[in-house]
């Protein structure tokens, strides 16, 4: 993944969300949960899943159809989506 460091959000010392050109096609955007190995601090590809951004809608839809999120998580996602809609209008 060709990471865009300006879009990276560090969530704690060894965990962050990265966005950038995908591993399989640099023209496509992907996102991943990046975990660093405890001890060495180096990137752990086994604990860091990369997804194409276009797959996220399907994943969230299937999760919602199966009630995998609690009500507070659904409300938080709706709030984030609403804010995004306002920014991209």
N, C-alpha and C. Protein backbone atom coordinates (compact mmCIF):
# COMPACT_ATOMS: atom_id res chain seq x y z
N UNK A 1 0.84 -1.17 0.00
CA UNK A 1 0.00 0.00 0.00
C UNK A 1 0.89 1.24 0.00
N UNK A 2 0.57 2.19 -0.86
CA UNK A 2 1.28 3.45 -0.90
C UNK A 2 0.52 4.43 0.01
N UNK A 3 0.95 4.53 1.24
CA UNK A 3 0.22 5.26 2.28
C UNK A 3 0.31 6.76 2.08
N UNK A 4 -0.84 7.43 2.19
CA UNK A 4 -0.90 8.89 2.23
C UNK A 4 -0.82 9.26 3.71
N UNK A 5 0.34 9.68 4.16
CA UNK A 5 0.57 9.94 5.59
C UNK A 5 -0.25 11.11 6.11
N UNK A 6 -0.69 12.02 5.24
CA UNK A 6 -1.53 13.14 5.67
C UNK A 6 -2.91 12.66 6.12
N UNK A 7 -3.35 11.50 5.59
CA UNK A 7 -4.67 10.97 5.94
C UNK A 7 -4.62 9.92 7.05
N UNK A 8 -3.42 9.52 7.46
CA UNK A 8 -3.27 8.51 8.51
C UNK A 8 -3.76 9.07 9.84
N UNK A 9 -4.51 8.24 10.56
CA UNK A 9 -4.96 8.61 11.90
C UNK A 9 -4.44 7.58 12.90
N UNK A 10 -3.58 8.02 13.80
CA UNK A 10 -3.05 7.14 14.85
C UNK A 10 -4.09 7.07 15.96
N UNK A 11 -4.46 5.84 16.33
CA UNK A 11 -5.47 5.65 17.36
C UNK A 11 -4.85 5.28 18.71
N UNK A 12 -3.67 4.69 18.70
CA UNK A 12 -2.87 4.51 19.91
C UNK A 12 -1.43 4.22 19.48
N UNK A 13 -0.57 3.83 20.40
CA UNK A 13 0.85 3.69 20.10
C UNK A 13 1.16 2.68 19.00
N UNK A 14 0.35 1.63 18.86
CA UNK A 14 0.68 0.60 17.87
C UNK A 14 -0.46 0.35 16.88
N UNK A 15 -1.44 1.24 16.82
CA UNK A 15 -2.62 1.02 15.98
C UNK A 15 -3.00 2.30 15.28
N UNK A 16 -3.22 2.21 13.95
CA UNK A 16 -3.63 3.39 13.19
C UNK A 16 -4.48 2.97 12.00
N UNK A 17 -5.14 3.92 11.40
CA UNK A 17 -5.90 3.73 10.16
C UNK A 17 -5.11 4.45 9.06
N UNK A 18 -4.79 3.70 7.99
CA UNK A 18 -4.04 4.28 6.88
C UNK A 18 -4.89 4.24 5.61
N UNK A 19 -4.72 5.25 4.78
CA UNK A 19 -5.42 5.36 3.49
C UNK A 19 -4.36 5.60 2.43
N UNK A 20 -4.55 5.00 1.26
CA UNK A 20 -3.58 5.23 0.19
C UNK A 20 -3.87 4.40 -1.04
N UNK A 21 -2.95 4.41 -1.98
CA UNK A 21 -3.07 3.60 -3.19
C UNK A 21 -2.98 2.12 -2.82
N UNK A 22 -3.87 1.33 -3.37
CA UNK A 22 -3.95 -0.08 -2.97
C UNK A 22 -2.75 -0.89 -3.45
N UNK A 23 -2.52 -2.00 -2.78
CA UNK A 23 -1.43 -2.91 -3.12
C UNK A 23 -1.61 -3.48 -4.51
N UNK A 24 -2.85 -3.78 -4.89
CA UNK A 24 -3.13 -4.46 -6.15
C UNK A 24 -3.29 -3.50 -7.32
N UNK A 25 -3.56 -2.21 -7.05
CA UNK A 25 -3.69 -1.22 -8.11
C UNK A 25 -3.49 0.17 -7.50
N UNK A 26 -2.34 0.80 -7.71
CA UNK A 26 -2.06 2.09 -7.09
C UNK A 26 -3.06 3.19 -7.45
N UNK A 27 -3.84 2.97 -8.52
CA UNK A 27 -4.84 3.96 -8.92
C UNK A 27 -6.11 3.86 -8.08
N UNK A 28 -6.28 2.75 -7.35
CA UNK A 28 -7.47 2.53 -6.52
C UNK A 28 -7.13 2.85 -5.07
N UNK A 29 -8.08 3.44 -4.37
CA UNK A 29 -7.87 3.79 -2.96
C UNK A 29 -8.25 2.62 -2.07
N UNK A 30 -7.41 2.37 -1.08
CA UNK A 30 -7.75 1.36 -0.08
C UNK A 30 -7.50 1.94 1.31
N UNK A 31 -7.99 1.22 2.30
CA UNK A 31 -7.87 1.64 3.69
C UNK A 31 -7.48 0.40 4.49
N UNK A 32 -6.69 0.59 5.52
CA UNK A 32 -6.34 -0.57 6.34
C UNK A 32 -6.19 -0.18 7.80
N UNK A 33 -6.39 -1.20 8.61
CA UNK A 33 -6.07 -1.12 10.03
C UNK A 33 -4.62 -1.54 10.14
N UNK A 34 -3.76 -0.69 10.58
CA UNK A 34 -2.35 -1.03 10.71
C UNK A 34 -2.02 -1.30 12.17
N UNK A 35 -1.49 -2.48 12.38
CA UNK A 35 -0.97 -2.84 13.71
C UNK A 35 0.52 -3.03 13.59
N UNK A 36 1.26 -2.51 14.54
CA UNK A 36 2.69 -2.75 14.60
C UNK A 36 2.94 -3.87 15.61
N UNK A 37 3.99 -4.67 15.35
CA UNK A 37 4.36 -5.74 16.27
C UNK A 37 4.76 -5.13 17.61
N UNK A 38 4.19 -5.69 18.69
CA UNK A 38 4.62 -5.18 20.01
C UNK A 38 6.11 -5.48 20.19
N UNK A 39 6.91 -4.91 20.78
CA UNK A 39 8.32 -5.27 20.89
C UNK A 39 9.16 -4.61 19.82
N UNK A 40 9.03 -5.04 18.55
CA UNK A 40 9.85 -4.49 17.48
C UNK A 40 9.28 -3.17 16.95
N UNK A 41 7.97 -3.00 17.04
CA UNK A 41 7.33 -1.80 16.52
C UNK A 41 7.19 -1.78 15.02
N UNK A 42 7.63 -2.88 14.36
CA UNK A 42 7.55 -2.94 12.90
C UNK A 42 6.16 -3.37 12.45
N UNK A 43 5.84 -3.00 11.22
CA UNK A 43 4.55 -3.31 10.61
C UNK A 43 4.27 -4.81 10.63
N UNK A 44 3.05 -5.17 11.02
CA UNK A 44 2.63 -6.57 11.03
C UNK A 44 1.60 -6.79 9.92
N UNK A 45 1.99 -7.39 8.79
CA UNK A 45 1.03 -7.60 7.71
C UNK A 45 -0.07 -8.58 8.10
N UNK A 46 0.18 -9.45 9.08
CA UNK A 46 -0.82 -10.43 9.49
C UNK A 46 -1.92 -9.81 10.34
N UNK A 47 -1.62 -8.71 11.02
CA UNK A 47 -2.62 -8.05 11.84
C UNK A 47 -3.15 -6.78 11.21
N UNK A 48 -2.85 -6.58 9.93
CA UNK A 48 -3.22 -5.33 9.27
C UNK A 48 -3.96 -5.62 7.98
N UNK A 49 -5.27 -5.55 8.04
CA UNK A 49 -6.08 -5.88 6.88
C UNK A 49 -6.32 -4.66 5.99
N UNK A 50 -6.07 -4.83 4.69
CA UNK A 50 -6.27 -3.78 3.70
C UNK A 50 -7.53 -4.09 2.90
N UNK A 51 -8.40 -3.10 2.74
CA UNK A 51 -9.64 -3.27 1.99
C UNK A 51 -9.77 -2.19 0.92
N UNK A 52 -10.31 -2.54 -0.24
CA UNK A 52 -10.62 -1.48 -1.19
C UNK A 52 -11.78 -0.66 -0.63
N UNK A 53 -11.72 0.64 -0.78
CA UNK A 53 -12.78 1.50 -0.24
C UNK A 53 -14.14 1.10 -0.80
N UNK A 54 -14.17 0.65 -2.07
CA UNK A 54 -15.46 0.28 -2.68
C UNK A 54 -16.11 -0.93 -2.00
N UNK A 55 -15.36 -1.72 -1.23
CA UNK A 55 -15.92 -2.90 -0.56
C UNK A 55 -16.58 -2.56 0.78
N UNK A 56 -16.29 -1.40 1.31
CA UNK A 56 -16.78 -1.06 2.65
C UNK A 56 -18.29 -0.98 2.69
N UNK A 57 -18.92 -0.42 1.66
CA UNK A 57 -20.39 -0.34 1.66
C UNK A 57 -21.00 -1.73 1.76
N UNK A 58 -20.50 -2.68 0.97
CA UNK A 58 -21.04 -4.04 1.03
C UNK A 58 -20.82 -4.68 2.40
N UNK A 59 -19.66 -4.47 2.97
CA UNK A 59 -19.37 -5.05 4.29
C UNK A 59 -20.31 -4.47 5.34
N UNK A 60 -20.48 -3.16 5.34
CA UNK A 60 -21.37 -2.53 6.32
C UNK A 60 -22.82 -2.96 6.09
N UNK A 61 -23.24 -3.05 4.84
CA UNK A 61 -24.62 -3.47 4.54
C UNK A 61 -24.88 -4.87 5.09
N UNK A 62 -23.98 -5.81 4.81
CA UNK A 62 -24.18 -7.18 5.29
C UNK A 62 -24.14 -7.23 6.82
N UNK A 63 -23.24 -6.47 7.43
CA UNK A 63 -23.19 -6.42 8.89
C UNK A 63 -24.50 -5.88 9.46
N UNK A 64 -25.06 -4.85 8.83
CA UNK A 64 -26.32 -4.27 9.29
C UNK A 64 -27.49 -5.23 9.08
N UNK A 65 -27.51 -5.92 7.95
CA UNK A 65 -28.58 -6.90 7.70
C UNK A 65 -28.58 -8.02 8.73
N UNK A 66 -27.43 -8.25 9.34
CA UNK A 66 -27.31 -9.31 10.35
C UNK A 66 -27.20 -8.75 11.77
N UNK A 67 -27.52 -7.46 11.92
CA UNK A 67 -27.54 -6.80 13.23
C UNK A 67 -26.26 -7.03 14.04
N UNK A 68 -25.12 -6.85 13.38
CA UNK A 68 -23.84 -7.07 14.05
C UNK A 68 -23.38 -5.87 14.87
N UNK A 69 -23.97 -4.70 14.64
CA UNK A 69 -23.60 -3.49 15.38
C UNK A 69 -24.65 -3.20 16.44
N UNK A 70 -24.21 -2.67 17.58
CA UNK A 70 -25.18 -2.24 18.58
C UNK A 70 -25.72 -0.86 18.18
N UNK A 71 -26.75 -0.42 18.88
CA UNK A 71 -27.42 0.84 18.51
C UNK A 71 -26.48 2.04 18.60
N UNK A 72 -25.61 2.07 19.60
CA UNK A 72 -24.68 3.21 19.73
C UNK A 72 -23.69 3.27 18.57
N UNK A 73 -23.22 2.11 18.11
CA UNK A 73 -22.30 2.07 16.96
C UNK A 73 -23.01 2.53 15.71
N UNK A 74 -24.25 2.08 15.51
CA UNK A 74 -25.03 2.53 14.34
C UNK A 74 -25.23 4.04 14.37
N UNK A 75 -25.56 4.59 15.53
CA UNK A 75 -25.77 6.03 15.66
C UNK A 75 -24.47 6.79 15.37
N UNK A 76 -23.34 6.28 15.86
CA UNK A 76 -22.06 6.95 15.60
C UNK A 76 -21.74 6.93 14.11
N UNK A 77 -21.98 5.79 13.45
CA UNK A 77 -21.71 5.71 12.01
C UNK A 77 -22.63 6.66 11.24
N UNK A 78 -23.89 6.74 11.63
CA UNK A 78 -24.81 7.67 10.97
C UNK A 78 -24.33 9.11 11.13
N UNK A 79 -23.84 9.45 12.30
CA UNK A 79 -23.32 10.79 12.54
C UNK A 79 -22.12 11.10 11.65
N UNK A 80 -21.19 10.14 11.54
CA UNK A 80 -20.02 10.33 10.68
C UNK A 80 -20.42 10.42 9.21
N UNK A 81 -21.36 9.59 8.79
CA UNK A 81 -21.83 9.63 7.39
C UNK A 81 -22.53 10.96 7.09
N UNK A 82 -23.35 11.43 8.01
CA UNK A 82 -24.05 12.70 7.83
C UNK A 82 -23.05 13.86 7.69
N UNK A 83 -22.03 13.86 8.52
CA UNK A 83 -21.00 14.91 8.44
C UNK A 83 -20.27 14.84 7.10
N UNK A 84 -20.00 13.63 6.62
CA UNK A 84 -19.32 13.46 5.33
C UNK A 84 -20.20 13.99 4.20
N UNK A 85 -21.48 13.68 4.26
CA UNK A 85 -22.42 14.16 3.22
C UNK A 85 -22.39 15.69 3.17
N UNK A 86 -22.38 16.32 4.34
CA UNK A 86 -22.36 17.78 4.38
C UNK A 86 -21.06 18.34 3.78
N UNK A 87 -19.94 17.66 4.01
CA UNK A 87 -18.66 18.14 3.48
C UNK A 87 -18.55 17.97 1.98
N UNK A 88 -19.13 16.91 1.41
CA UNK A 88 -18.94 16.65 -0.02
C UNK A 88 -20.04 17.23 -0.89
N UNK A 89 -21.03 17.87 -0.30
CA UNK A 89 -22.10 18.49 -1.10
C UNK A 89 -21.55 19.58 -1.98
